[in-house]
Amino acid sequence: MMEKHAKIYVAGHRGMVGSAIARELERQGYDNLILRTHSELDLTRQEAVEAFFAAEKPEYVFLAAAKVGGIMANNDALADFMYENMVLEMNVIHSAWKNGCKKLEFLGSSCIYPRMAPQPMTESCLLTGELEKTNEAYALAKISGLKYCEFLNKQYGTDYISVMPTNLYGPNDNYHPTHSHVVPALIRRFHEAKLAGERSVECWGDGTPLREFLYVDDLANLSVFLMNHYSGDETVNAGTGKELTIRELTELVAKVVGYEGEITWDPSKPNGTPRKLLDVSKAAALGWTYKTELEDGLKLAYEDFLNNPMRAER
């Protein structure tokens, strides 16, 4: 168990996941958080990261920092996504180990699993098949990070763990018009269409892929829970165990935003992986389950979007 006054470093605390973890830690009474912005500490610079860890020596690390984006961003910048994520992961994990970090938690993504993995996907299906090409670079970087944690455990006896979330959404999301994930992209698109009085909104693909979505504050709760209650080399899936089609999601977001026009589809655009549903029985067996239903979470996400208009410019 983490002591309430322990030094805890949350890497990426300004992102959606990192900020949620910082909020959850503070909610639970942890009062010695170490936080650095990108301008204060560039995690891709090895010398800077090593100096930071040598000076601060955090006892616990939540590695939530990452270069992230949707299908278009991943597909257009494969080299950037692979390089930046691998470099920052290795810098943080290696420096944590060198400076005696008691425990580190690595935040990954369900895209690490094979494109055609049996559904729902168990933790053991990792590296059993080909990855989805549209986010292969990001997935390879995340696999490298979790495997490095596993190898440190085996070679040096560390207590480094990893958690693999399904698709996330919620406060402090990225609403960039081309670089965002599906939920924030839809929220922005329908909001702007509603304001402009547009009669129809065109969406990518054919709407048939199945997806699972987890509210980011629920992930943060699981992340702190695992840091206190789980040790092991195998990752832990984070999700709801529920899925819906992209078409159903799109209609639900339109409802939440209040857009009443027509929704059309462009099948010439990529769908991505046909289905991505996580097997969450491992987290359930540990005693954890999600709390926020999708429609309730979407309402909270839209409220956050309305209250923070500058996020739409990122």
C-alpha atoms as a PDB file:
ATOM      1  CA  MET A   1       0.000   0.000   0.000  1.00  0.00           C
ATOM      2  CA  MET A   2       1.206   3.507  -0.800  1.00  0.00           C
ATOM      3  CA  GLU A   3       1.645   5.694   2.246  1.00  0.00           C
ATOM      4  CA  LYS A   4      -0.432   8.893   2.181  1.00  0.00           C
ATOM      5  CA  HIS A   5       2.693  11.070   2.366  1.00  0.00           C
ATOM      6  CA  ALA A   6       4.793   9.044  -0.081  1.00  0.00           C
ATOM      7  CA  LYS A   7       6.400  10.883  -3.010  1.00  0.00           C
ATOM      8  CA  ILE A   8       4.294  10.018  -6.044  1.00  0.00           C
ATOM      9  CA  TYR A   9       5.211  11.152  -9.555  1.00  0.00           C
ATOM     10  CA  VAL A  10       2.407  11.309 -12.110  1.00  0.00           C
ATOM     11  CA  ALA A  11       4.001  11.556 -15.556  1.00  0.00           C
ATOM     12  CA  GLY A  12       1.664  13.299 -17.982  1.00  0.00           C
ATOM     13  CA  HIS A  13      -0.505  14.977 -15.355  1.00  0.00           C
ATOM     14  CA  ARG A  14      -1.927  17.506 -17.826  1.00  0.00           C
ATOM     15  CA  GLY A  15      -3.300  14.846 -20.157  1.00  0.00           C
ATOM     16  CA  MET A  16      -6.695  13.226 -19.780  1.00  0.00           C
ATOM     17  CA  VAL A  17      -5.423  10.084 -18.013  1.00  0.00           C
ATOM     18  CA  GLY A  18      -2.700  11.710 -15.925  1.00  0.00           C
ATOM     19  CA  SER A  19      -4.957  14.500 -14.698  1.00  0.00           C
ATOM     20  CA  ALA A  20      -7.604  11.957 -13.704  1.00  0.00           C
ATOM     21  CA  ILE A  21      -5.025   9.936 -11.746  1.00  0.00           C
ATOM     22  CA  ALA A  22      -3.797  13.081  -9.982  1.00  0.00           C
ATOM     23  CA  ARG A  23      -7.406  13.974  -9.057  1.00  0.00           C
ATOM     24  CA  GLU A  24      -8.047  10.456  -7.759  1.00  0.00           C
ATOM     25  CA  LEU A  25      -4.865  10.449  -5.659  1.00  0.00           C
ATOM     26  CA  GLU A  26      -5.782  13.787  -4.119  1.00  0.00           C
ATOM     27  CA  ARG A  27      -9.344  12.584  -3.505  1.00  0.00           C
ATOM     28  CA  GLN A  28      -7.961   9.608  -1.593  1.00  0.00           C
ATOM     29  CA  GLY A  29      -5.724  11.807   0.568  1.00  0.00           C
ATOM     30  CA  TYR A  30      -2.322  11.435  -1.093  1.00  0.00           C
ATOM     31  CA  ASP A  31      -0.665  14.785  -0.468  1.00  0.00           C
ATOM     32  CA  ASN A  32       2.865  14.583  -1.856  1.00  0.00           C
ATOM     33  CA  LEU A  33       2.420  14.499  -5.621  1.00  0.00           C
ATOM     34  CA  ILE A  34       5.339  15.412  -7.877  1.00  0.00           C
ATOM     35  CA  LEU A  35       4.164  17.039 -11.096  1.00  0.00           C
ATOM     36  CA  ARG A  36       6.053  18.525 -14.029  1.00  0.00           C
ATOM     37  CA  THR A  37       4.734  20.126 -17.210  1.00  0.00           C
ATOM     38  CA  HIS A  38       6.287  19.326 -20.578  1.00  0.00           C
ATOM     39  CA  SER A  39       8.064  22.693 -20.581  1.00  0.00           C
ATOM     40  CA  GLU A  40       9.542  21.889 -17.173  1.00  0.00           C
ATOM     41  CA  LEU A  41      10.547  18.319 -18.070  1.00  0.00           C
ATOM     42  CA  ASP A  42      10.710  16.901 -21.601  1.00  0.00           C
ATOM     43  CA  LEU A  43      10.428  13.153 -21.074  1.00  0.00           C
ATOM     44  CA  THR A  44      12.018  12.428 -24.447  1.00  0.00           C
ATOM     45  CA  ARG A  45      15.308  13.960 -23.222  1.00  0.00           C
ATOM     46  CA  GLN A  46      17.204  11.222 -21.372  1.00  0.00           C
ATOM     47  CA  GLU A  47      19.598  13.521 -19.522  1.00  0.00           C
ATOM     48  CA  ALA A  48      16.742  15.686 -18.219  1.00  0.00           C
ATOM     49  CA  VAL A  49      14.752  12.668 -17.035  1.00  0.00           C
ATOM     50  CA  GLU A  50      17.768  11.147 -15.300  1.00  0.00           C
ATOM     51  CA  ALA A  51      18.493  14.440 -13.514  1.00  0.00           C
ATOM     52  CA  PHE A  52      14.857  14.740 -12.393  1.00  0.00           C
ATOM     53  CA  PHE A  53      14.749  11.232 -10.903  1.00  0.00           C
ATOM     54  CA  ALA A  54      18.138  11.629  -9.246  1.00  0.00           C
ATOM     55  CA  ALA A  55      16.993  14.841  -7.566  1.00  0.00           C
ATOM     56  CA  GLU A  56      13.403  13.888  -6.631  1.00  0.00           C
ATOM     57  CA  LYS A  57      13.645  10.087  -6.154  1.00  0.00           C
ATOM     58  CA  PRO A  58       9.883   9.413  -6.280  1.00  0.00           C
ATOM     59  CA  GLU A  59       8.777   6.295  -4.428  1.00  0.00           C
ATOM     60  CA  TYR A  60       5.886   5.569  -6.796  1.00  0.00           C
ATOM     61  CA  VAL A  61       5.390   6.429 -10.468  1.00  0.00           C
ATOM     62  CA  PHE A  62       2.259   6.473 -12.629  1.00  0.00           C
ATOM     63  CA  LEU A  63       3.459   6.601 -16.246  1.00  0.00           C
ATOM     64  CA  ALA A  64       0.521   8.163 -18.077  1.00  0.00           C
ATOM     65  CA  ALA A  65       2.499  10.413 -20.436  1.00  0.00           C
ATOM     66  CA  ALA A  66       2.186   9.528 -24.129  1.00  0.00           C
ATOM     67  CA  LYS A  67       1.851  10.930 -27.613  1.00  0.00           C
ATOM     68  CA  VAL A  68      -1.727   9.994 -28.509  1.00  0.00           C
ATOM     69  CA  GLY A  69      -4.247  10.525 -31.305  1.00  0.00           C
ATOM     70  CA  GLY A  70      -7.015   8.983 -33.384  1.00  0.00           C
ATOM     71  CA  ILE A  71      -6.877   6.935 -36.589  1.00  0.00           C
ATOM     72  CA  MET A  72      -5.779   9.828 -38.816  1.00  0.00           C
ATOM     73  CA  ALA A  73      -3.076  11.065 -36.449  1.00  0.00           C
ATOM     74  CA  ASN A  74      -1.668   7.564 -35.958  1.00  0.00           C
ATOM     75  CA  ASN A  75      -1.727   6.742 -39.651  1.00  0.00           C
ATOM     76  CA  ASP A  76      -0.136  10.031 -40.735  1.00  0.00           C
ATOM     77  CA  ALA A  77       2.712  10.038 -38.198  1.00  0.00           C
ATOM     78  CA  LEU A  78       3.730   6.416 -37.687  1.00  0.00           C
ATOM     79  CA  ALA A  79       7.407   7.172 -37.081  1.00  0.00           C
ATOM     80  CA  ASP A  80       6.671  10.023 -34.658  1.00  0.00           C
ATOM     81  CA  PHE A  81       4.239   7.934 -32.618  1.00  0.00           C
ATOM     82  CA  MET A  82       6.677   5.049 -32.337  1.00  0.00           C
ATOM     83  CA  TYR A  83       9.780   7.105 -31.569  1.00  0.00           C
ATOM     84  CA  GLU A  84       8.337   9.572 -29.057  1.00  0.00           C
ATOM     85  CA  ASN A  85       6.410   6.964 -27.089  1.00  0.00           C
ATOM     86  CA  MET A  86       9.257   4.459 -26.949  1.00  0.00           C
ATOM     87  CA  VAL A  87      11.811   7.070 -25.938  1.00  0.00           C
ATOM     88  CA  LEU A  88       9.757   8.653 -23.159  1.00  0.00           C
ATOM     89  CA  GLU A  89       8.692   5.255 -21.783  1.00  0.00           C
ATOM     90  CA  MET A  90      12.213   3.903 -21.654  1.00  0.00           C
ATOM     91  CA  ASN A  91      13.580   7.104 -20.124  1.00  0.00           C
ATOM     92  CA  VAL A  92      11.024   7.136 -17.299  1.00  0.00           C
ATOM     93  CA  ILE A  93      11.004   3.397 -16.544  1.00  0.00           C
ATOM     94  CA  HIS A  94      14.789   3.098 -16.655  1.00  0.00           C
ATOM     95  CA  SER A  95      15.357   6.158 -14.473  1.00  0.00           C
ATOM     96  CA  ALA A  96      12.743   4.950 -11.987  1.00  0.00           C
ATOM     97  CA  TRP A  97      14.610   1.643 -11.696  1.00  0.00           C
ATOM     98  CA  LYS A  98      18.031   3.305 -11.390  1.00  0.00           C
ATOM     99  CA  ASN A  99      16.770   5.519  -8.552  1.00  0.00           C
ATOM    100  CA  GLY A 100      15.080   2.863  -6.440  1.00  0.00           C
ATOM    101  CA  CYS A 101      11.420   3.517  -7.245  1.00  0.00           C
ATOM    102  CA  LYS A 102       9.342   1.153  -5.070  1.00  0.00           C
ATOM    103  CA  LYS A 103       6.623   0.606  -7.650  1.00  0.00           C
ATOM    104  CA  LEU A 104       5.759   1.859 -11.131  1.00  0.00           C
ATOM    105  CA  GLU A 105       2.530   1.549 -13.064  1.00  0.00           C
ATOM    106  CA  PHE A 106       2.628   1.737 -16.855  1.00  0.00           C
ATOM    107  CA  LEU A 107      -0.508   2.890 -18.670  1.00  0.00           C
ATOM    108  CA  GLY A 108      -0.942   1.271 -22.064  1.00  0.00           C
ATOM    109  CA  SER A 109      -3.771   0.767 -24.550  1.00  0.00           C
ATOM    110  CA  SER A 110      -5.966  -2.078 -25.753  1.00  0.00           C
ATOM    111  CA  CYS A 111      -4.539  -1.567 -29.264  1.00  0.00           C
ATOM    112  CA  ILE A 112      -1.615  -3.743 -28.113  1.00  0.00           C
ATOM    113  CA  TYR A 113      -3.765  -6.816 -28.760  1.00  0.00           C
ATOM    114  CA  PRO A 114      -3.969  -8.551 -32.163  1.00  0.00           C
ATOM    115  CA  ARG A 115      -6.377  -7.101 -34.694  1.00  0.00           C
ATOM    116  CA  MET A 116      -8.336 -10.354 -34.933  1.00  0.00           C
ATOM    117  CA  ALA A 117      -7.890 -11.525 -31.342  1.00  0.00           C
ATOM    118  CA  PRO A 118     -10.648 -13.738 -29.905  1.00  0.00           C
ATOM    119  CA  GLN A 119     -13.300 -11.584 -28.236  1.00  0.00           C
ATOM    120  CA  PRO A 120     -13.430 -10.552 -25.481  1.00  0.00           C
ATOM    121  CA  MET A 121      -9.659 -10.119 -25.388  1.00  0.00           C
ATOM    122  CA  THR A 122      -7.828 -11.616 -22.427  1.00  0.00           C
ATOM    123  CA  GLU A 123      -4.467 -10.385 -21.182  1.00  0.00           C
ATOM    124  CA  SER A 124      -2.877 -13.622 -22.400  1.00  0.00           C
ATOM    125  CA  CYS A 125      -3.645 -12.927 -26.089  1.00  0.00           C
ATOM    126  CA  LEU A 126      -0.813 -10.377 -26.267  1.00  0.00           C
ATOM    127  CA  LEU A 127       1.612 -11.095 -29.146  1.00  0.00           C
ATOM    128  CA  THR A 128      -0.470 -13.946 -30.556  1.00  0.00           C
ATOM    129  CA  GLY A 129      -1.343 -12.257 -33.870  1.00  0.00           C
ATOM    130  CA  GLU A 130      -0.955  -9.309 -36.243  1.00  0.00           C
ATOM    131  CA  LEU A 131      -1.657  -5.783 -35.003  1.00  0.00           C
ATOM    132  CA  GLU A 132      -4.101  -3.285 -36.506  1.00  0.00           C
ATOM    133  CA  LYS A 133      -2.099  -1.418 -39.165  1.00  0.00           C
ATOM    134  CA  THR A 134      -3.618   2.014 -38.528  1.00  0.00           C
ATOM    135  CA  ASN A 135      -2.116   2.198 -35.018  1.00  0.00           C
ATOM    136  CA  GLU A 136       0.658  -0.389 -35.262  1.00  0.00           C
ATOM    137  CA  ALA A 137       3.423   2.075 -34.374  1.00  0.00           C
ATOM    138  CA  TYR A 138       1.704   3.209 -31.178  1.00  0.00           C
ATOM    139  CA  ALA A 139       0.900  -0.384 -30.233  1.00  0.00           C
ATOM    140  CA  LEU A 140       4.501  -1.519 -30.707  1.00  0.00           C
ATOM    141  CA  ALA A 141       5.710   1.283 -28.468  1.00  0.00           C
ATOM    142  CA  LYS A 142       3.220   0.359 -25.752  1.00  0.00           C
ATOM    143  CA  ILE A 143       4.116  -3.331 -25.989  1.00  0.00           C
ATOM    144  CA  SER A 144       7.780  -2.390 -25.550  1.00  0.00           C
ATOM    145  CA  GLY A 145       6.970  -0.393 -22.420  1.00  0.00           C
ATOM    146  CA  LEU A 146       5.000  -3.136 -20.717  1.00  0.00           C
ATOM    147  CA  LYS A 147       7.565  -5.763 -21.701  1.00  0.00           C
ATOM    148  CA  TYR A 148      10.384  -3.657 -20.279  1.00  0.00           C
ATOM    149  CA  CYS A 149       8.498  -3.522 -16.979  1.00  0.00           C
ATOM    150  CA  GLU A 150       8.067  -7.294 -17.096  1.00  0.00           C
ATOM    151  CA  PHE A 151      11.742  -7.879 -17.884  1.00  0.00           C
ATOM    152  CA  LEU A 152      12.899  -5.586 -15.058  1.00  0.00           C
ATOM    153  CA  ASN A 153      10.713  -7.585 -12.682  1.00  0.00           C
ATOM    154  CA  LYS A 154      12.240 -10.853 -13.856  1.00  0.00           C
ATOM    155  CA  GLN A 155      15.852  -9.693 -13.971  1.00  0.00           C
ATOM    156  CA  TYR A 156      16.020  -7.292 -11.030  1.00  0.00           C
ATOM    157  CA  GLY A 157      13.037  -8.146  -8.837  1.00  0.00           C
ATOM    158  CA  THR A 158      11.211  -4.844  -9.308  1.00  0.00           C
ATOM    159  CA  ASP A 159       7.475  -4.438  -8.689  1.00  0.00           C
ATOM    160  CA  TYR A 160       6.446  -2.751 -11.942  1.00  0.00           C
ATOM    161  CA  ILE A 161       2.927  -3.334 -13.269  1.00  0.00           C
ATOM    162  CA  SER A 162       0.889  -2.332 -16.307  1.00  0.00           C
ATOM    163  CA  VAL A 163      -2.767  -1.634 -17.026  1.00  0.00           C
ATOM    164  CA  MET A 164      -4.330  -1.714 -20.491  1.00  0.00           C
ATOM    165  CA  PRO A 165      -7.381   0.542 -20.822  1.00  0.00           C
ATOM    166  CA  THR A 166     -10.041   0.254 -23.451  1.00  0.00           C
ATOM    167  CA  ASN A 167     -11.133   3.412 -25.336  1.00  0.00           C
ATOM    168  CA  LEU A 168     -11.211   6.303 -22.877  1.00  0.00           C
ATOM    169  CA  TYR A 169     -13.142   9.558 -22.705  1.00  0.00           C
ATOM    170  CA  GLY A 170     -13.904  12.253 -20.161  1.00  0.00           C
ATOM    171  CA  PRO A 171     -12.625  15.518 -18.643  1.00  0.00           C
ATOM    172  CA  ASN A 172      -9.520  17.094 -20.172  1.00  0.00           C
ATOM    173  CA  ASP A 173      -9.822  15.145 -23.422  1.00  0.00           C
ATOM    174  CA  ASN A 174      -8.279  16.352 -26.681  1.00  0.00           C
ATOM    175  CA  TYR A 175     -10.883  17.819 -29.072  1.00  0.00           C
ATOM    176  CA  HIS A 176      -8.566  18.625 -31.978  1.00  0.00           C
ATOM    177  CA  PRO A 177     -10.493  18.450 -35.304  1.00  0.00           C
ATOM    178  CA  THR A 178      -8.152  15.867 -36.881  1.00  0.00           C
ATOM    179  CA  HIS A 179      -5.991  14.419 -34.081  1.00  0.00           C
ATOM    180  CA  SER A 180      -8.611  13.410 -31.510  1.00  0.00           C
ATOM    181  CA  HIS A 181     -10.168  10.047 -30.673  1.00  0.00           C
ATOM    182  CA  VAL A 182     -13.712   9.108 -31.636  1.00  0.00           C
ATOM    183  CA  VAL A 183     -15.706  10.404 -28.615  1.00  0.00           C
ATOM    184  CA  PRO A 184     -14.164  13.900 -28.409  1.00  0.00           C
ATOM    185  CA  ALA A 185     -14.211  14.139 -32.220  1.00  0.00           C
ATOM    186  CA  LEU A 186     -17.941  13.382 -32.264  1.00  0.00           C
ATOM    187  CA  ILE A 187     -18.673  15.767 -29.390  1.00  0.00           C
ATOM    188  CA  ARG A 188     -16.950  18.621 -31.193  1.00  0.00           C
ATOM    189  CA  ARG A 189     -18.436  17.770 -34.597  1.00  0.00           C
ATOM    190  CA  PHE A 190     -22.035  17.575 -33.353  1.00  0.00           C
ATOM    191  CA  HIS A 191     -21.667  20.652 -31.154  1.00  0.00           C
ATOM    192  CA  GLU A 192     -20.396  22.733 -34.073  1.00  0.00           C
ATOM    193  CA  ALA A 193     -23.088  21.316 -36.379  1.00  0.00           C
ATOM    194  CA  LYS A 194     -25.777  22.207 -33.843  1.00  0.00           C
ATOM    195  CA  LEU A 195     -24.506  25.774 -33.526  1.00  0.00           C
ATOM    196  CA  ALA A 196     -24.253  26.153 -37.321  1.00  0.00           C
ATOM    197  CA  GLY A 197     -27.681  24.644 -37.932  1.00  0.00           C
ATOM    198  CA  GLU A 198     -26.262  21.982 -40.264  1.00  0.00           C
ATOM    199  CA  ARG A 199     -28.824  19.542 -41.622  1.00  0.00           C
ATOM    200  CA  SER A 200     -26.445  16.580 -41.711  1.00  0.00           C
ATOM    201  CA  VAL A 201     -23.134  15.351 -40.295  1.00  0.00           C
ATOM    202  CA  GLU A 202     -20.899  12.890 -42.152  1.00  0.00           C
ATOM    203  CA  CYS A 203     -18.971  10.318 -40.125  1.00  0.00           C
ATOM    204  CA  TRP A 204     -16.088   8.033 -41.092  1.00  0.00           C
ATOM    205  CA  GLY A 205     -16.523   4.399 -42.076  1.00  0.00           C
ATOM    206  CA  ASP A 206     -19.787   2.483 -42.089  1.00  0.00           C
ATOM    207  CA  GLY A 207     -20.541   2.555 -38.352  1.00  0.00           C
ATOM    208  CA  THR A 208     -20.324  -1.225 -37.877  1.00  0.00           C
ATOM    209  CA  PRO A 209     -17.149  -1.632 -35.743  1.00  0.00           C
ATOM    210  CA  LEU A 210     -17.818  -2.585 -32.138  1.00  0.00           C
ATOM    211  CA  ARG A 211     -16.139  -0.608 -29.370  1.00  0.00           C
ATOM    212  CA  GLU A 212     -15.998  -0.429 -25.595  1.00  0.00           C
ATOM    213  CA  PHE A 213     -15.640   2.858 -23.696  1.00  0.00           C
ATOM    214  CA  LEU A 214     -14.470   3.610 -20.157  1.00  0.00           C
ATOM    215  CA  TYR A 215     -14.868   6.929 -18.341  1.00  0.00           C
ATOM    216  CA  VAL A 216     -11.395   8.182 -17.474  1.00  0.00           C
ATOM    217  CA  ASP A 217     -12.137   8.765 -13.780  1.00  0.00           C
ATOM    218  CA  ASP A 218     -13.034   5.075 -13.496  1.00  0.00           C
ATOM    219  CA  LEU A 219      -9.647   4.194 -15.003  1.00  0.00           C
ATOM    220  CA  ALA A 220      -7.964   6.483 -12.480  1.00  0.00           C
ATOM    221  CA  ASN A 221      -9.742   4.715  -9.637  1.00  0.00           C
ATOM    222  CA  LEU A 222      -8.570   1.344 -10.967  1.00  0.00           C
ATOM    223  CA  SER A 223      -5.024   2.652 -11.428  1.00  0.00           C
ATOM    224  CA  VAL A 224      -4.708   3.631  -7.771  1.00  0.00           C
ATOM    225  CA  PHE A 225      -6.438   0.390  -6.738  1.00  0.00           C
ATOM    226  CA  LEU A 226      -3.925  -1.703  -8.700  1.00  0.00           C
ATOM    227  CA  MET A 227      -0.955   0.212  -7.321  1.00  0.00           C
ATOM    228  CA  ASN A 228      -2.126  -0.781  -3.854  1.00  0.00           C
ATOM    229  CA  HIS A 229      -3.482  -4.271  -4.510  1.00  0.00           C
ATOM    230  CA  TYR A 230      -1.766  -5.890  -7.512  1.00  0.00           C
ATOM    231  CA  SER A 231       1.684  -7.183  -8.339  1.00  0.00           C
ATOM    232  CA  GLY A 232       2.548  -9.336 -11.344  1.00  0.00           C
ATOM    233  CA  ASP A 233       4.170  -9.457 -14.763  1.00  0.00           C
ATOM    234  CA  GLU A 234       0.938  -9.788 -16.740  1.00  0.00           C
ATOM    235  CA  THR A 235      -0.976  -6.624 -17.559  1.00  0.00           C
ATOM    236  CA  VAL A 236      -4.503  -5.951 -16.254  1.00  0.00           C
ATOM    237  CA  ASN A 237      -7.289  -4.973 -18.636  1.00  0.00           C
ATOM    238  CA  ALA A 238      -9.345  -1.885 -17.784  1.00  0.00           C
ATOM    239  CA  GLY A 239     -12.824  -1.651 -19.255  1.00  0.00           C
ATOM    240  CA  THR A 240     -16.547  -2.124 -18.732  1.00  0.00           C
ATOM    241  CA  GLY A 241     -17.008  -5.459 -20.501  1.00  0.00           C
ATOM    242  CA  LYS A 242     -19.783  -3.797 -22.577  1.00  0.00           C
ATOM    243  CA  GLU A 243     -19.690  -2.824 -26.256  1.00  0.00           C
ATOM    244  CA  LEU A 244     -21.734  -0.983 -28.859  1.00  0.00           C
ATOM    245  CA  THR A 245     -21.349  -0.152 -32.546  1.00  0.00           C
ATOM    246  CA  ILE A 246     -19.782   3.109 -33.660  1.00  0.00           C
ATOM    247  CA  ARG A 247     -23.161   3.920 -35.204  1.00  0.00           C
ATOM    248  CA  GLU A 248     -24.873   3.474 -31.830  1.00  0.00           C
ATOM    249  CA  LEU A 249     -22.185   5.555 -30.137  1.00  0.00           C
ATOM    250  CA  THR A 250     -22.587   8.298 -32.741  1.00  0.00           C
ATOM    251  CA  GLU A 251     -26.335   8.436 -32.229  1.00  0.00           C
ATOM    252  CA  LEU A 252     -25.849   8.572 -28.451  1.00  0.00           C
ATOM    253  CA  VAL A 253     -23.348  11.448 -28.669  1.00  0.00           C
ATOM    254  CA  ALA A 254     -25.710  13.349 -30.974  1.00  0.00           C
ATOM    255  CA  LYS A 255     -28.488  12.855 -28.411  1.00  0.00           C
ATOM    256  CA  VAL A 256     -26.320  14.097 -25.536  1.00  0.00           C
ATOM    257  CA  VAL A 257     -25.155  17.146 -27.503  1.00  0.00           C
ATOM    258  CA  GLY A 258     -28.680  17.886 -28.733  1.00  0.00           C
ATOM    259  CA  TYR A 259     -28.000  17.601 -32.456  1.00  0.00           C
ATOM    260  CA  GLU A 260     -31.165  16.580 -34.329  1.00  0.00           C
ATOM    261  CA  GLY A 261     -29.987  16.509 -37.964  1.00  0.00           C
ATOM    262  CA  GLU A 262     -29.199  13.541 -40.201  1.00  0.00           C
ATOM    263  CA  ILE A 263     -26.120  11.351 -39.697  1.00  0.00           C
ATOM    264  CA  THR A 264     -24.488  10.018 -42.888  1.00  0.00           C
ATOM    265  CA  TRP A 265     -21.539   7.669 -43.356  1.00  0.00           C
ATOM    266  CA  ASP A 266     -18.489   7.627 -45.654  1.00  0.00           C
ATOM    267  CA  PRO A 267     -17.483   3.963 -46.163  1.00  0.00           C
ATOM    268  CA  SER A 268     -14.377   5.025 -48.119  1.00  0.00           C
ATOM    269  CA  LYS A 269     -12.810   6.097 -44.811  1.00  0.00           C
ATOM    270  CA  PRO A 270     -11.165   3.467 -42.541  1.00  0.00           C
ATOM    271  CA  ASN A 271     -13.152   1.625 -39.912  1.00  0.00           C
ATOM    272  CA  GLY A 272     -10.166   0.444 -37.888  1.00  0.00           C
ATOM    273  CA  THR A 273     -10.299  -2.842 -35.968  1.00  0.00           C
ATOM    274  CA  PRO A 274     -13.674  -4.618 -36.465  1.00  0.00           C
ATOM    275  CA  ARG A 275     -14.155  -5.317 -32.768  1.00  0.00           C
ATOM    276  CA  LYS A 276     -12.326  -4.465 -29.561  1.00  0.00           C
ATOM    277  CA  LEU A 277     -13.812  -5.769 -26.334  1.00  0.00           C
ATOM    278  CA  LEU A 278     -11.676  -6.478 -23.289  1.00  0.00           C
ATOM    279  CA  ASP A 279     -12.098  -9.395 -20.933  1.00  0.00           C
ATOM    280  CA  VAL A 280     -12.229  -7.588 -17.577  1.00  0.00           C
ATOM    281  CA  SER A 281     -12.619 -10.676 -15.387  1.00  0.00           C
ATOM    282  CA  LYS A 282      -9.113 -10.246 -13.962  1.00  0.00           C
ATOM    283  CA  ALA A 283      -9.868  -6.778 -12.560  1.00  0.00           C
ATOM    284  CA  ALA A 284     -13.222  -8.061 -11.301  1.00  0.00           C
ATOM    285  CA  ALA A 285     -11.521 -10.967  -9.522  1.00  0.00           C
ATOM    286  CA  LEU A 286      -9.251  -8.459  -7.779  1.00  0.00           C
ATOM    287  CA  GLY A 287     -12.368  -6.687  -6.483  1.00  0.00           C
ATOM    288  CA  TRP A 288     -12.810  -3.775  -8.899  1.00  0.00           C
ATOM    289  CA  THR A 289     -15.579  -2.771 -11.319  1.00  0.00           C
ATOM    290  CA  TYR A 290     -16.412   0.382 -13.253  1.00  0.00           C
ATOM    291  CA  LYS A 291     -18.979   2.908 -11.957  1.00  0.00           C
ATOM    292  CA  THR A 292     -19.925   5.282 -14.786  1.00  0.00           C
ATOM    293  CA  GLU A 293     -22.409   4.238 -17.477  1.00  0.00           C
ATOM    294  CA  LEU A 294     -21.707   5.522 -20.990  1.00  0.00           C
ATOM    295  CA  GLU A 295     -24.547   8.036 -21.373  1.00  0.00           C
ATOM    296  CA  ASP A 296     -23.828   9.520 -17.943  1.00  0.00           C
ATOM    297  CA  GLY A 297     -20.134   9.772 -18.788  1.00  0.00           C
ATOM    298  CA  LEU A 298     -20.856  11.411 -22.150  1.00  0.00           C
ATOM    299  CA  LYS A 299     -22.947  14.063 -20.410  1.00  0.00           C
ATOM    300  CA  LEU A 300     -20.034  14.800 -18.064  1.00  0.00           C
ATOM    301  CA  ALA A 301     -17.617  14.911 -21.004  1.00  0.00           C
ATOM    302  CA  TYR A 302     -19.832  17.330 -22.954  1.00  0.00           C
ATOM    303  CA  GLU A 303     -20.175  19.539 -19.881  1.00  0.00           C
ATOM    304  CA  ASP A 304     -16.386  19.600 -19.597  1.00  0.00           C
ATOM    305  CA  PHE A 305     -16.101  20.533 -23.292  1.00  0.00           C
ATOM    306  CA  LEU A 306     -18.547  23.417 -22.854  1.00  0.00           C
ATOM    307  CA  ASN A 307     -16.771  24.693 -19.754  1.00  0.00           C
ATOM    308  CA  ASN A 308     -13.314  24.594 -21.354  1.00  0.00           C
ATOM    309  CA  PRO A 309     -13.606  25.977 -24.907  1.00  0.00           C
ATOM    310  CA  MET A 310      -9.836  26.303 -25.340  1.00  0.00           C
ATOM    311  CA  ARG A 311      -9.541  22.512 -25.398  1.00  0.00           C
ATOM    312  CA  ALA A 312     -11.164  22.524 -28.817  1.00  0.00           C
ATOM    313  CA  GLU A 313      -8.141  24.372 -30.146  1.00  0.00           C
ATOM    314  CA  ARG A 314      -5.602  21.693 -29.159  1.00  0.00           C
END
